[in-house]
Amino acid sequence: VYCIPLAKETASPFAPKNDEVKTDEQSKADSTASSKKKNEKTPAKTDDATKPKVTDVKIDLDGIMNRLISLPIDAANYFNINSIGDNVYYQRTKPGDAQSSLMIYKLKGKKEDNLGNLDGYEISADGKKMMVANHGNYSIIDVPQSKFTIDKNVDLSGMKLWVNKHDEWNEIFNECWRQMRDFFYDPTMQGVNWNAMKTKYGALVPYVNHRADLTYVIGEMIGELSIGHSYVGGGDEPKPERIPMGMLGAKLSKDASGYYKIDKILDGANWSNDLRSPLTEVGVNVNAGDFILAVNGAATNSMNDIYSSLVNTAGKQVELTVNSKASLAGSRKVIVIPIGNEKELYYYNWVQHNIRYVDSISGGKIGYLHIPNMGVEGLNEFIKHFYPQLNKKALIIDDRGNGGGFVSGLVAERLSKELVYYNMMRNTIGGTDPQMLLGPKVLLIDRYSASDGDIIAYRFKKYNIGKVIGVRTWGGVVGIRGSLPLMDGGYLMRPEFAPYNDKGWVIEGYGVDPDIVLDNDPAQEYLGTDAQLNKGVEELLEELKTQEQNVPAIPPFKDKSK
């Protein structure tokens, strides 16, 4: 948290104070001068004196950045900063905090205090009252100077909001049009007559009778700009209740006996809640080929679909009766906790299969990793699989199906590092500095390598990291920064920034071409043959014939005894 004295003569709140003690003679002289000033006649009040006083704010721009002052507080995430007199209020979160804290910094006492936990706050215009939001409740309190307590909450049970939907939809349509007009990266709107578009599609708005209709009309309007990342959606519309289905992390089929057979169990990383596979957890002890005879005591041979017995069981205990044969004789009961979605498990199993497959057909020489997106999840996946495979001689980076994000620069930086020297320590083998993979690399792309997934392919080629294999990428790279608020909570994404080079615009509307064009046959891919992956292994094995690099042996140690 920072402050800036606007005028040069304004003293810093943290300026050192003069601690010189006055003598008795100095104190008497000051007292005499003060008495004389009090005895002086005060001029009579005029009409001007009764007028509200307007204070001029003086701002000395010259050298203003050198007057930047940091509050002496810990490094953390700070937001919602307000000041009242000599007190500064702000919210703070630190790593590990479950909730933000309301903090006060008292400039006079040069002291910071924690007033308590909350989700948010607002201060009234007169600076006397504060509205505190906490766990969905709202309270009004006096602006606190010390630890606050909440005695009662504002009762919102009777609050109703009356909305004229047609007026609201008209306002949202106009707001979306204005946002594109004012924030779209190209002020010429790519040659589109934007005023004409408002007239053309605005004529449909009076006939809108559902938020989905409005979303469609706005989508058609912004579609006239022929650009990626122009999204509209959300808003105030009925949403059906979704009841979570319990999933077992397995492929099941109905046997001739009528019972359900476990055809395949998905591997899991049960130390992670996101990758928990229920049938592989400790103590369950079931195998592919076993039968599920009953769910919570209900026989499965009388069920048309076993999942009808798993409705609303995600995260809840379920009792399964299991056996290695389709018979109750010798069966046993186990308790499992189903998951709500098997998507992450299937993804995990696909990546693990590719790692093992590439390793096996390359004789252990080639590593593999997949980057699902260019956000936090994608960067985590990259780091998780990149560093453990630095001992490989070559690497396949799979960018297919990459949903985009913002970290392609970080990924490309790690892939394009140059060797400085080798490093060693006692009882270890030598390694590279910086940490890097020495050998050749290839990148796999497809038409679903999107946004920053496009850009990583562009960077890969620009840095000459290696060959790019697959088909041309999606081609949408004019970036977005999130939605400005719409009245009903909906969103509009405005493409706001675009890449270009000395020859003009790049990537947008076209994508990135591979060095080796190869499209997967969907039928063969479904059967387990990934031609693009196989081509990546083939190319790297060929390059390794001439480009394989090894960390040299640690040299003889010096004899410094002489």
Protein backbone atom coordinates (compact mmCIF):
# COMPACT_ATOMS: atom_id res chain seq x y z
CA VAL A 1 0.00 0.00 0.00
CA TYR A 2 1.45 3.32 -1.09
CA CYS A 3 0.76 7.03 -0.65
CA ILE A 4 1.98 10.09 -2.56
CA PRO A 5 2.16 13.62 -1.13
CA LEU A 6 0.69 15.67 -3.96
CA ALA A 7 2.46 18.93 -3.08
CA LYS A 8 6.22 19.18 -2.62
CA GLU A 9 5.89 20.92 0.76
CA THR A 10 3.61 18.23 2.22
CA ALA A 11 5.53 16.34 4.87
CA SER A 12 5.82 12.57 4.81
CA PRO A 13 3.72 10.86 7.50
CA PHE A 14 6.86 8.89 8.29
CA ALA A 15 9.24 11.85 8.46
CA PRO A 16 11.52 11.81 11.53
CA LYS A 17 10.27 14.06 14.34
CA ASN A 18 12.42 16.61 16.13
CA ASP A 19 12.90 15.33 19.67
CA GLU A 20 14.73 18.44 20.92
CA VAL A 21 13.54 19.54 24.38
CA LYS A 22 12.76 23.26 24.91
CA THR A 23 14.27 25.21 27.83
CA ASP A 24 12.09 27.03 30.37
CA GLU A 25 12.96 30.39 28.76
CA GLN A 26 11.85 29.13 25.29
CA SER A 27 8.58 27.78 26.69
CA LYS A 28 7.82 31.16 28.42
CA ALA A 29 8.54 33.05 25.19
CA ASP A 30 6.19 30.79 23.21
CA SER A 31 3.46 31.26 25.83
CA THR A 32 3.79 35.08 25.72
CA ALA A 33 3.55 35.10 21.91
CA SER A 34 0.46 32.93 22.05
CA SER A 35 -1.24 35.28 24.55
CA LYS A 36 -0.57 38.34 22.38
CA LYS A 37 -2.11 36.58 19.38
CA LYS A 38 -5.29 35.80 21.35
CA ASN A 39 -5.68 39.47 22.39
CA GLU A 40 -5.56 40.70 18.82
CA LYS A 41 -8.97 41.82 17.47
CA THR A 42 -10.74 39.34 15.19
CA PRO A 43 -12.15 40.97 12.01
CA ALA A 44 -15.94 41.04 11.78
CA LYS A 45 -17.60 38.26 9.77
CA THR A 46 -18.71 39.12 6.28
CA ASP A 47 -21.16 37.38 3.99
CA ASP A 48 -18.22 35.67 2.24
CA ALA A 49 -17.16 34.09 5.54
CA THR A 50 -20.47 32.22 5.75
CA LYS A 51 -20.03 30.60 2.35
CA PRO A 52 -18.76 26.98 2.21
CA LYS A 53 -15.01 26.93 2.00
CA VAL A 54 -13.60 25.32 -1.14
CA THR A 55 -10.13 23.89 -0.73
CA ASP A 56 -7.84 24.03 -3.71
CA VAL A 57 -5.87 20.82 -4.23
CA LYS A 58 -2.31 21.57 -5.19
CA ILE A 59 -0.51 18.92 -7.26
CA ASP A 60 3.18 19.30 -8.10
CA LEU A 61 3.68 16.88 -10.98
CA ASP A 62 7.41 17.60 -11.14
CA GLY A 63 9.17 14.77 -9.28
CA ILE A 64 5.90 13.24 -8.05
CA MET A 65 7.13 9.66 -8.53
CA ASN A 66 10.05 10.36 -6.21
CA ARG A 67 7.53 11.14 -3.48
CA LEU A 68 6.08 7.63 -3.52
CA ILE A 69 5.95 6.26 0.03
CA SER A 70 5.29 2.65 1.02
CA LEU A 71 3.44 1.84 4.21
CA PRO A 72 5.77 -0.26 6.41
CA ILE A 73 3.64 -3.44 6.28
CA ASP A 74 4.22 -7.06 5.27
CA ALA A 75 4.20 -8.25 1.67
CA ALA A 76 0.75 -9.66 0.89
CA ASN A 77 -2.24 -9.21 -1.44
CA TYR A 78 -3.92 -5.87 -0.70
CA PHE A 79 -7.17 -4.51 -2.13
CA ASN A 80 -10.23 -2.35 -1.35
CA ILE A 81 -8.10 0.50 0.04
CA ASN A 82 -9.83 3.51 1.61
CA SER A 83 -8.73 6.34 3.89
CA ILE A 84 -10.62 8.31 6.51
CA GLY A 85 -8.58 11.12 8.02
CA ASP A 86 -5.34 9.63 9.33
CA ASN A 87 -6.58 6.04 9.12
CA VAL A 88 -6.12 3.77 6.10
CA TYR A 89 -8.44 0.74 5.73
CA TYR A 90 -7.73 -2.19 3.43
CA GLN A 91 -8.35 -5.89 2.94
CA ARG A 92 -5.41 -8.29 3.05
CA THR A 93 -4.84 -11.93 2.19
CA LYS A 94 -1.71 -13.97 2.70
CA PRO A 95 -0.93 -17.46 1.38
CA GLY A 96 -2.92 -19.98 3.38
CA ASP A 97 -5.59 -17.51 4.51
CA ALA A 98 -9.11 -18.91 4.25
CA GLN A 99 -10.58 -15.40 4.28
CA SER A 100 -9.39 -11.84 3.89
CA SER A 101 -8.72 -9.61 6.90
CA LEU A 102 -9.82 -6.01 7.39
CA MET A 103 -6.74 -4.02 8.35
CA ILE A 104 -6.30 -0.48 9.64
CA TYR A 105 -3.10 1.53 9.47
CA LYS A 106 -3.06 4.54 11.80
CA LEU A 107 -0.73 7.14 10.35
CA LYS A 108 -0.54 9.09 13.60
CA GLY A 109 0.56 6.12 15.66
CA LYS A 110 2.37 4.45 12.74
CA LYS A 111 0.70 1.18 13.66
CA GLU A 112 -1.17 -1.55 11.76
CA ASP A 113 -3.98 -3.58 13.39
CA ASN A 114 -6.05 -6.56 12.23
CA LEU A 115 -9.72 -5.70 12.82
CA GLY A 116 -11.14 -9.12 11.88
CA ASN A 117 -12.05 -11.42 8.99
CA LEU A 118 -14.61 -10.54 6.33
CA ASP A 119 -15.43 -11.01 2.65
CA GLY A 120 -15.80 -7.32 1.82
CA TYR A 121 -16.78 -3.89 3.10
CA GLU A 122 -18.08 -0.50 1.98
CA ILE A 123 -17.79 2.83 3.84
CA SER A 124 -20.68 5.30 3.83
CA ALA A 125 -20.29 8.68 2.12
CA ASP A 126 -19.98 10.53 5.42
CA GLY A 127 -17.24 8.16 6.62
CA LYS A 128 -19.11 7.13 9.76
CA LYS A 129 -20.68 3.75 8.94
CA MET A 130 -19.35 0.55 7.36
CA MET A 131 -21.25 -2.25 5.66
CA VAL A 132 -19.55 -5.59 6.26
CA ALA A 133 -20.15 -8.64 4.05
CA ASN A 134 -19.37 -11.99 5.63
CA HIS A 135 -20.40 -15.48 4.46
CA GLY A 136 -23.39 -14.13 2.53
CA ASN A 137 -24.61 -11.92 5.36
CA TYR A 138 -24.51 -8.12 5.59
CA SER A 139 -24.13 -5.96 8.68
CA ILE A 140 -23.94 -2.22 9.36
CA ILE A 141 -21.43 -1.10 12.02
CA ASP A 142 -19.68 2.09 13.08
CA VAL A 143 -16.40 2.52 11.24
CA PRO A 144 -14.14 0.51 13.55
CA GLN A 145 -10.94 1.66 15.21
CA SER A 146 -10.28 -1.70 16.85
CA LYS A 147 -11.43 -5.34 16.61
CA PHE A 148 -15.10 -5.34 15.60
CA THR A 149 -17.92 -7.71 16.49
CA ILE A 150 -21.11 -8.43 14.56
CA ASP A 151 -24.22 -8.29 16.76
CA LYS A 152 -26.87 -8.72 14.09
CA ASN A 153 -27.26 -8.97 10.34
CA VAL A 154 -29.44 -6.96 8.00
CA ASP A 155 -32.58 -8.99 7.25
CA LEU A 156 -32.78 -9.41 3.47
CA SER A 157 -35.60 -11.97 3.49
CA GLY A 158 -38.16 -9.40 2.38
CA MET A 159 -36.00 -7.82 -0.31
CA LYS A 160 -37.52 -8.02 -3.77
CA LEU A 161 -36.15 -6.67 -7.03
CA TRP A 162 -38.71 -5.71 -9.66
CA VAL A 163 -37.22 -5.81 -13.14
CA ASN A 164 -38.62 -4.69 -16.46
CA LYS A 165 -36.93 -7.38 -18.53
CA HIS A 166 -37.40 -5.70 -21.89
CA ASP A 167 -35.89 -2.44 -20.65
CA GLU A 168 -33.01 -4.39 -19.08
CA TRP A 169 -32.36 -6.39 -22.24
CA ASN A 170 -32.37 -3.20 -24.33
CA GLU A 171 -29.82 -1.65 -21.96
CA ILE A 172 -27.61 -4.77 -22.08
CA PHE A 173 -27.72 -4.81 -25.89
CA ASN A 174 -26.70 -1.14 -26.05
CA GLU A 175 -23.97 -1.67 -23.43
CA CYS A 176 -22.47 -4.58 -25.39
CA TRP A 177 -22.49 -2.50 -28.57
CA ARG A 178 -20.79 0.40 -26.74
CA GLN A 179 -18.17 -1.83 -25.15
CA MET A 180 -17.14 -3.22 -28.53
CA ARG A 181 -17.10 0.30 -29.99
CA ASP A 182 -14.84 1.63 -27.23
CA PHE A 183 -12.54 -1.31 -26.43
CA PHE A 184 -12.19 -3.42 -29.62
CA TYR A 185 -8.51 -3.52 -30.57
CA ASP A 186 -9.16 -2.06 -34.04
CA PRO A 187 -10.78 1.41 -33.90
CA THR A 188 -11.93 0.93 -37.51
CA MET A 189 -13.86 -2.19 -36.38
CA GLN A 190 -12.12 -4.17 -39.16
CA GLY A 191 -14.03 -2.16 -41.75
CA VAL A 192 -17.47 -3.02 -40.33
CA ASN A 193 -19.97 -0.14 -40.13
CA TRP A 194 -20.61 -0.52 -36.41
CA ASN A 195 -23.41 2.05 -36.29
CA ALA A 196 -25.21 0.12 -39.00
CA MET A 197 -24.82 -3.09 -36.99
CA LYS A 198 -26.55 -1.48 -34.02
CA THR A 199 -29.47 -0.54 -36.23
CA LYS A 200 -29.60 -3.93 -37.95
CA TYR A 201 -29.58 -6.11 -34.83
CA GLY A 202 -31.19 -3.57 -32.51
CA ALA A 203 -34.37 -3.96 -34.57
CA LEU A 204 -34.65 -7.50 -33.15
CA VAL A 205 -34.31 -6.57 -29.48
CA PRO A 206 -37.99 -5.56 -28.98
CA TYR A 207 -38.92 -9.14 -29.92
CA VAL A 208 -36.58 -10.75 -27.37
CA ASN A 209 -38.56 -12.68 -24.73
CA HIS A 210 -35.79 -14.70 -23.06
CA ARG A 211 -32.18 -14.00 -22.05
CA ALA A 212 -31.08 -16.77 -24.42
CA ASP A 213 -32.70 -14.81 -27.29
CA LEU A 214 -30.75 -11.70 -26.29
CA THR A 215 -27.49 -13.65 -26.10
CA TYR A 216 -28.16 -14.98 -29.61
CA VAL A 217 -28.84 -11.51 -31.04
CA ILE A 218 -25.72 -10.01 -29.43
CA GLY A 219 -23.68 -13.01 -30.58
CA GLU A 220 -24.81 -12.46 -34.17
CA MET A 221 -23.94 -8.75 -33.94
CA ILE A 222 -20.41 -9.23 -32.60
CA GLY A 223 -19.97 -12.11 -35.06
CA GLU A 224 -19.98 -9.48 -37.81
CA LEU A 225 -16.47 -8.53 -36.63
CA SER A 226 -15.13 -11.94 -37.74
CA ILE A 227 -12.75 -12.35 -34.82
CA GLY A 228 -12.00 -14.95 -32.18
CA HIS A 229 -12.53 -14.45 -28.45
CA SER A 230 -15.73 -12.41 -28.97
CA TYR A 231 -17.92 -14.22 -26.46
CA VAL A 232 -21.25 -13.34 -24.86
CA GLY A 233 -23.29 -15.32 -22.36
CA GLY A 234 -24.50 -15.79 -18.82
CA GLY A 235 -27.04 -13.49 -17.30
CA ASP A 236 -30.31 -13.82 -15.47
CA GLU A 237 -32.12 -16.84 -16.88
CA PRO A 238 -33.73 -19.97 -15.41
CA LYS A 239 -31.24 -22.70 -14.66
CA PRO A 240 -32.37 -26.29 -14.10
CA GLU A 241 -31.26 -28.01 -10.94
CA ARG A 242 -28.32 -30.30 -11.61
CA ILE A 243 -28.21 -33.45 -9.50
CA PRO A 244 -24.66 -34.87 -9.31
CA MET A 245 -24.27 -38.41 -10.58
CA GLY A 246 -21.95 -40.68 -8.63
CA MET A 247 -19.17 -42.15 -10.79
CA LEU A 248 -16.93 -45.10 -9.90
CA GLY A 249 -13.99 -44.34 -12.21
CA ALA A 250 -14.60 -47.52 -14.18
CA LYS A 251 -16.11 -48.86 -17.39
CA LEU A 252 -19.06 -51.14 -16.61
CA SER A 253 -21.15 -53.44 -18.79
CA LYS A 254 -24.24 -55.56 -18.15
CA ASP A 255 -23.32 -59.25 -18.14
CA ALA A 256 -25.49 -62.08 -19.49
CA SER A 257 -26.23 -62.86 -15.84
CA GLY A 258 -27.86 -59.45 -15.48
CA TYR A 259 -25.19 -58.24 -13.07
CA TYR A 260 -22.72 -55.48 -13.93
CA LYS A 261 -19.16 -56.42 -14.80
CA ILE A 262 -16.17 -54.13 -14.21
CA ASP A 263 -14.47 -54.07 -17.62
CA LYS A 264 -11.80 -51.50 -16.75
CA ILE A 265 -10.74 -49.51 -13.70
CA LEU A 266 -9.20 -46.10 -14.33
CA ASP A 267 -5.90 -45.52 -12.60
CA GLY A 268 -5.92 -42.68 -10.11
CA ALA A 269 -3.52 -40.58 -8.08
CA ASN A 270 -5.44 -41.03 -4.84
CA TRP A 271 -3.23 -38.61 -2.93
CA SER A 272 -5.06 -35.89 -4.91
CA ASN A 273 -8.79 -35.25 -4.44
CA ASP A 274 -8.97 -34.21 -8.09
CA LEU A 275 -7.61 -37.57 -9.30
CA ARG A 276 -9.25 -39.97 -6.86
CA SER A 277 -10.35 -43.26 -8.44
CA PRO A 278 -12.89 -44.83 -6.03
CA LEU A 279 -12.31 -48.49 -6.87
CA THR A 280 -8.52 -48.19 -6.46
CA GLU A 281 -8.56 -46.74 -2.96
CA VAL A 282 -6.97 -48.59 -0.07
CA GLY A 283 -9.15 -51.44 1.26
CA VAL A 284 -11.55 -51.67 -1.69
CA ASN A 285 -9.56 -54.43 -3.43
CA VAL A 286 -11.64 -54.96 -6.57
CA ASN A 287 -10.23 -55.80 -9.98
CA ALA A 288 -11.20 -55.58 -13.62
CA GLY A 289 -13.38 -58.64 -14.32
CA ASP A 290 -15.14 -58.51 -10.95
CA PHE A 291 -18.91 -58.05 -10.68
CA ILE A 292 -21.00 -55.45 -8.85
CA LEU A 293 -23.95 -57.45 -7.54
CA ALA A 294 -25.73 -54.78 -5.50
CA VAL A 295 -25.64 -51.05 -4.72
CA ASN A 296 -26.77 -50.13 -1.22
CA GLY A 297 -28.47 -53.52 -1.00
CA ALA A 298 -30.38 -53.18 -4.31
CA ALA A 299 -29.55 -56.02 -6.71
CA THR A 300 -28.06 -54.78 -9.98
CA ASN A 301 -29.49 -57.67 -12.04
CA SER A 302 -32.90 -56.01 -11.70
CA MET A 303 -31.64 -52.60 -12.87
CA ASN A 304 -31.94 -51.30 -16.42
CA ASP A 305 -29.01 -48.97 -15.69
CA ILE A 306 -26.72 -49.23 -12.67
CA TYR A 307 -26.25 -45.45 -12.66
CA SER A 308 -29.87 -44.98 -11.63
CA SER A 309 -28.75 -46.29 -8.22
CA LEU A 310 -25.87 -43.77 -8.10
CA VAL A 311 -27.89 -40.58 -8.60
CA ASN A 312 -26.90 -37.92 -6.02
CA THR A 313 -24.19 -40.10 -4.48
CA ALA A 314 -21.11 -38.07 -5.46
CA GLY A 315 -19.03 -37.51 -2.34
CA LYS A 316 -21.27 -39.80 -0.26
CA GLN A 317 -20.65 -43.32 1.07
CA VAL A 318 -22.08 -46.12 -1.05
CA GLU A 319 -22.07 -49.84 -0.22
CA LEU A 320 -21.21 -52.16 -3.10
CA THR A 321 -21.65 -55.92 -3.03
CA VAL A 322 -18.85 -57.37 -5.19
CA ASN A 323 -17.57 -60.76 -6.24
CA SER A 324 -15.15 -62.25 -8.73
CA LYS A 325 -18.08 -64.18 -10.24
CA ALA A 326 -21.70 -63.38 -11.03
CA SER A 327 -22.98 -64.97 -7.86
CA LEU A 328 -23.91 -63.84 -4.34
CA ALA A 329 -22.16 -66.89 -2.93
CA GLY A 330 -18.79 -65.78 -1.59
CA SER A 331 -19.51 -62.08 -2.23
CA ARG A 332 -18.36 -59.30 0.06
CA LYS A 333 -19.37 -55.71 0.79
CA VAL A 334 -17.15 -52.66 0.41
CA ILE A 335 -17.72 -48.96 1.09
CA VAL A 336 -16.74 -46.51 -1.66
CA ILE A 337 -17.21 -42.78 -2.15
CA PRO A 338 -18.13 -42.03 -5.80
CA ILE A 339 -16.80 -38.97 -7.60
CA GLY A 340 -18.91 -36.44 -9.51
CA ASN A 341 -16.94 -36.38 -12.77
CA GLU A 342 -14.58 -38.82 -14.49
CA LYS A 343 -13.16 -36.27 -16.94
CA GLU A 344 -9.95 -35.61 -15.01
CA LEU A 345 -9.38 -39.36 -14.50
CA TYR A 346 -9.69 -40.08 -18.23
CA TYR A 347 -7.30 -37.23 -18.98
CA TYR A 348 -4.81 -38.49 -16.38
CA ASN A 349 -4.96 -42.02 -17.81
CA TRP A 350 -4.47 -40.75 -21.37
CA VAL A 351 -1.37 -38.77 -20.40
CA GLN A 352 0.09 -41.64 -18.37
CA HIS A 353 -0.51 -44.03 -21.28
CA ASN A 354 1.27 -41.69 -23.70
CA ILE A 355 4.24 -41.32 -21.36
CA ARG A 356 4.59 -45.10 -21.01
CA TYR A 357 3.99 -45.71 -24.73
CA VAL A 358 6.58 -43.16 -25.91
CA ASP A 359 9.08 -44.44 -23.37
CA SER A 360 8.61 -48.08 -24.46
CA ILE A 361 8.83 -47.63 -28.24
CA SER A 362 11.82 -45.26 -27.97
CA GLY A 363 13.85 -47.53 -25.73
CA GLY A 364 13.54 -45.06 -22.85
CA LYS A 365 15.13 -42.21 -24.81
CA ILE A 366 12.12 -39.94 -25.43
CA GLY A 367 9.94 -38.15 -22.88
CA TYR A 368 6.37 -36.94 -23.35
CA LEU A 369 4.19 -34.26 -21.78
CA HIS A 370 0.85 -32.71 -22.62
CA ILE A 371 -0.20 -29.12 -21.89
CA PRO A 372 -4.03 -28.95 -21.60
CA ASN A 373 -4.16 -25.15 -21.49
CA MET A 374 -1.98 -22.11 -20.92
CA GLY A 375 -3.39 -21.22 -17.52
CA VAL A 376 -2.48 -22.28 -14.00
CA GLU A 377 -3.53 -25.89 -14.62
CA GLY A 378 -1.53 -26.12 -17.85
CA LEU A 379 1.61 -24.62 -16.33
CA ASN A 380 1.33 -27.03 -13.40
CA GLU A 381 1.03 -29.98 -15.79
CA PHE A 382 4.05 -28.77 -17.75
CA ILE A 383 6.22 -28.37 -14.65
CA LYS A 384 5.01 -31.67 -13.18
CA HIS A 385 6.13 -33.64 -16.24
CA PHE A 386 8.98 -31.54 -17.65
CA TYR A 387 11.50 -31.61 -14.80
CA PRO A 388 11.21 -35.35 -13.97
CA GLN A 389 12.07 -36.12 -17.61
CA LEU A 390 15.19 -33.97 -17.96
CA ASN A 391 17.23 -37.19 -18.10
CA LYS A 392 15.59 -38.10 -21.41
CA LYS A 393 17.49 -37.64 -24.68
CA ALA A 394 14.53 -35.98 -26.47
CA LEU A 395 11.06 -34.67 -25.69
CA ILE A 396 7.59 -34.56 -27.28
CA ILE A 397 5.52 -31.56 -26.19
CA ASP A 398 1.84 -32.16 -26.95
CA ASP A 399 -0.09 -28.92 -27.56
CA ARG A 400 -3.16 -30.61 -29.04
CA GLY A 401 -6.47 -29.56 -27.54
CA ASN A 402 -4.79 -26.71 -25.67
CA GLY A 403 -7.53 -24.36 -24.46
CA GLY A 404 -5.32 -21.27 -24.28
CA GLY A 405 -4.42 -18.88 -21.50
CA PHE A 406 -1.41 -16.65 -20.90
CA VAL A 407 1.74 -18.63 -19.95
CA SER A 408 3.16 -19.65 -23.35
CA GLY A 409 6.11 -17.31 -22.79
CA LEU A 410 7.05 -19.14 -19.59
CA VAL A 411 6.81 -22.53 -21.31
CA ALA A 412 8.83 -21.41 -24.34
CA GLU A 413 11.48 -19.91 -22.06
CA ARG A 414 12.05 -23.27 -20.37
CA LEU A 415 12.12 -25.14 -23.68
CA SER A 416 14.60 -22.75 -25.32
CA LYS A 417 17.23 -22.45 -22.59
CA GLU A 418 20.88 -22.60 -23.60
CA LEU A 419 23.52 -24.53 -21.69
CA VAL A 420 25.98 -22.52 -19.60
CA TYR A 421 27.90 -25.37 -17.94
CA TYR A 422 27.43 -28.65 -16.10
CA ASN A 423 27.09 -28.89 -12.34
CA MET A 424 27.73 -31.58 -9.75
CA MET A 425 27.66 -32.21 -6.04
CA ARG A 426 29.00 -34.96 -3.80
CA ASN A 427 27.50 -38.43 -4.41
CA THR A 428 25.54 -37.34 -7.52
CA ILE A 429 25.95 -37.46 -11.26
CA GLY A 430 26.52 -34.26 -13.23
CA GLY A 431 23.63 -32.13 -14.46
CA THR A 432 23.02 -29.10 -16.65
CA ASP A 433 22.96 -25.49 -15.56
CA PRO A 434 20.38 -24.12 -16.14
CA GLN A 435 18.16 -27.16 -15.72
CA MET A 436 17.21 -28.13 -19.26
CA LEU A 437 16.71 -30.99 -21.67
CA LEU A 438 19.71 -31.13 -23.98
CA GLY A 439 18.29 -33.12 -26.87
CA PRO A 440 15.88 -32.41 -29.76
CA LYS A 441 12.21 -31.60 -29.26
CA VAL A 442 9.01 -31.68 -31.33
CA LEU A 443 5.63 -30.03 -30.79
CA LEU A 444 2.31 -31.69 -31.69
CA ILE A 445 -0.55 -29.38 -32.75
CA ASP A 446 -4.07 -29.69 -34.09
CA ARG A 447 -7.05 -27.50 -34.97
CA TYR A 448 -7.92 -27.32 -31.28
CA SER A 449 -4.59 -25.77 -30.29
CA ALA A 450 -6.21 -22.47 -29.49
CA SER A 451 -5.37 -18.93 -28.37
CA ASP A 452 -2.16 -19.16 -26.32
CA GLY A 453 -2.08 -22.71 -27.66
CA ASP A 454 -1.64 -21.05 -31.08
CA ILE A 455 1.02 -18.75 -29.67
CA ILE A 456 3.18 -21.52 -28.15
CA ALA A 457 3.37 -23.07 -31.63
CA TYR A 458 4.39 -19.68 -33.05
CA ARG A 459 7.06 -19.28 -30.36
CA PHE A 460 8.28 -22.84 -30.89
CA LYS A 461 8.93 -22.11 -34.56
CA LYS A 462 10.30 -18.60 -33.97
CA TYR A 463 12.89 -19.91 -31.49
CA ASN A 464 13.74 -22.90 -33.72
CA ILE A 465 13.16 -25.21 -30.76
CA GLY A 466 12.22 -28.10 -33.04
CA LYS A 467 9.78 -29.40 -35.63
CA VAL A 468 6.03 -28.83 -35.35
CA ILE A 469 3.85 -31.80 -36.35
CA GLY A 470 0.11 -32.02 -37.00
CA VAL A 471 -2.42 -29.68 -38.63
CA ARG A 472 -2.84 -25.90 -38.63
CA THR A 473 -3.87 -24.42 -35.28
CA TRP A 474 -7.16 -22.64 -34.49
CA GLY A 475 -6.03 -19.08 -35.25
CA GLY A 476 -7.57 -16.92 -32.53
CA VAL A 477 -5.08 -14.72 -30.66
CA VAL A 478 -6.60 -11.24 -30.24
CA GLY A 479 -6.68 -11.31 -26.46
CA ILE A 480 -9.27 -10.58 -23.82
CA ARG A 481 -8.99 -9.31 -20.24
CA GLY A 482 -12.31 -10.39 -18.78
CA SER A 483 -15.80 -8.96 -18.82
CA LEU A 484 -17.00 -5.58 -17.69
CA PRO A 485 -20.19 -5.93 -15.65
CA LEU A 486 -23.58 -6.21 -17.34
CA MET A 487 -26.79 -5.45 -15.46
CA ASP A 488 -27.92 -9.05 -14.99
CA GLY A 489 -24.52 -10.58 -14.28
CA GLY A 490 -23.89 -11.71 -17.85
CA TYR A 491 -20.58 -11.30 -19.66
CA LEU A 492 -19.14 -9.94 -22.89
CA MET A 493 -15.56 -10.57 -23.98
CA ARG A 494 -14.03 -7.84 -26.12
CA PRO A 495 -10.88 -8.72 -28.13
CA GLU A 496 -8.56 -5.93 -27.00
CA PHE A 497 -4.90 -6.66 -27.87
CA ALA A 498 -3.32 -8.29 -30.89
CA PRO A 499 0.15 -9.56 -31.93
CA TYR A 500 1.95 -8.26 -35.01
CA ASN A 501 5.48 -8.19 -36.44
CA ASP A 502 7.35 -5.96 -38.90
CA LYS A 503 5.34 -7.46 -41.78
CA GLY A 504 1.88 -7.06 -40.24
CA TRP A 505 -0.61 -8.96 -38.11
CA VAL A 506 0.19 -12.56 -37.22
CA ILE A 507 -1.76 -15.74 -36.39
CA GLU A 508 -5.26 -14.25 -36.01
CA GLY A 509 -7.71 -15.68 -38.51
CA TYR A 510 -5.21 -18.21 -39.85
CA GLY A 511 -3.27 -20.05 -37.16
CA VAL A 512 0.19 -21.61 -37.24
CA ASP A 513 1.22 -24.10 -39.92
CA PRO A 514 3.07 -27.28 -38.91
CA ASP A 515 6.42 -28.22 -40.41
CA ILE A 516 5.07 -31.71 -41.02
CA VAL A 517 1.39 -31.88 -41.99
CA LEU A 518 -0.30 -34.98 -40.61
CA ASP A 519 -3.94 -35.41 -39.61
CA ASN A 520 -5.10 -38.28 -37.42
CA ASP A 521 -7.68 -40.69 -38.83
CA PRO A 522 -10.51 -40.49 -36.24
CA ALA A 523 -11.38 -44.17 -36.59
CA GLN A 524 -7.76 -45.26 -36.09
CA GLU A 525 -7.35 -42.82 -33.21
CA TYR A 526 -10.45 -44.27 -31.52
CA LEU A 527 -8.90 -47.72 -31.85
CA GLY A 528 -5.72 -46.46 -30.18
CA THR A 529 -3.45 -45.47 -33.06
CA ASP A 530 -2.15 -41.92 -32.70
CA ALA A 531 -0.36 -41.22 -35.99
CA GLN A 532 0.83 -37.76 -34.93
CA LEU A 533 2.37 -39.14 -31.73
CA ASN A 534 4.05 -41.94 -33.67
CA LYS A 535 5.44 -39.43 -36.15
CA GLY A 536 6.88 -37.39 -33.28
CA VAL A 537 8.72 -40.46 -31.98
CA GLU A 538 9.92 -41.31 -35.49
CA GLU A 539 11.31 -37.81 -36.11
CA LEU A 540 13.09 -37.63 -32.75
CA LEU A 541 14.68 -41.06 -33.12
CA GLU A 542 16.02 -39.96 -36.49
CA GLU A 543 17.37 -36.69 -35.05
CA LEU A 544 18.96 -38.52 -32.12
CA LYS A 545 21.21 -40.36 -34.55
CA THR A 546 23.17 -37.13 -34.99
CA GLN A 547 22.00 -34.85 -32.16
CA GLU A 548 22.01 -37.01 -29.05
CA GLN A 549 23.76 -35.24 -26.20
CA ASN A 550 24.95 -36.62 -22.90
CA VAL A 551 26.15 -34.99 -19.73
CA PRO A 552 29.93 -35.55 -19.70
CA ALA A 553 31.52 -37.45 -16.85
CA ILE A 554 32.69 -35.45 -13.86
CA PRO A 555 36.34 -34.49 -14.56
CA PRO A 556 39.21 -35.68 -12.31
CA PHE A 557 39.44 -33.65 -9.12
CA LYS A 558 42.40 -31.26 -8.81
CA ASP A 559 45.40 -32.08 -6.68
CA LYS A 560 46.12 -28.90 -4.73
CA SER A 561 48.50 -30.47 -2.23
CA LYS A 562 51.59 -29.08 -3.97
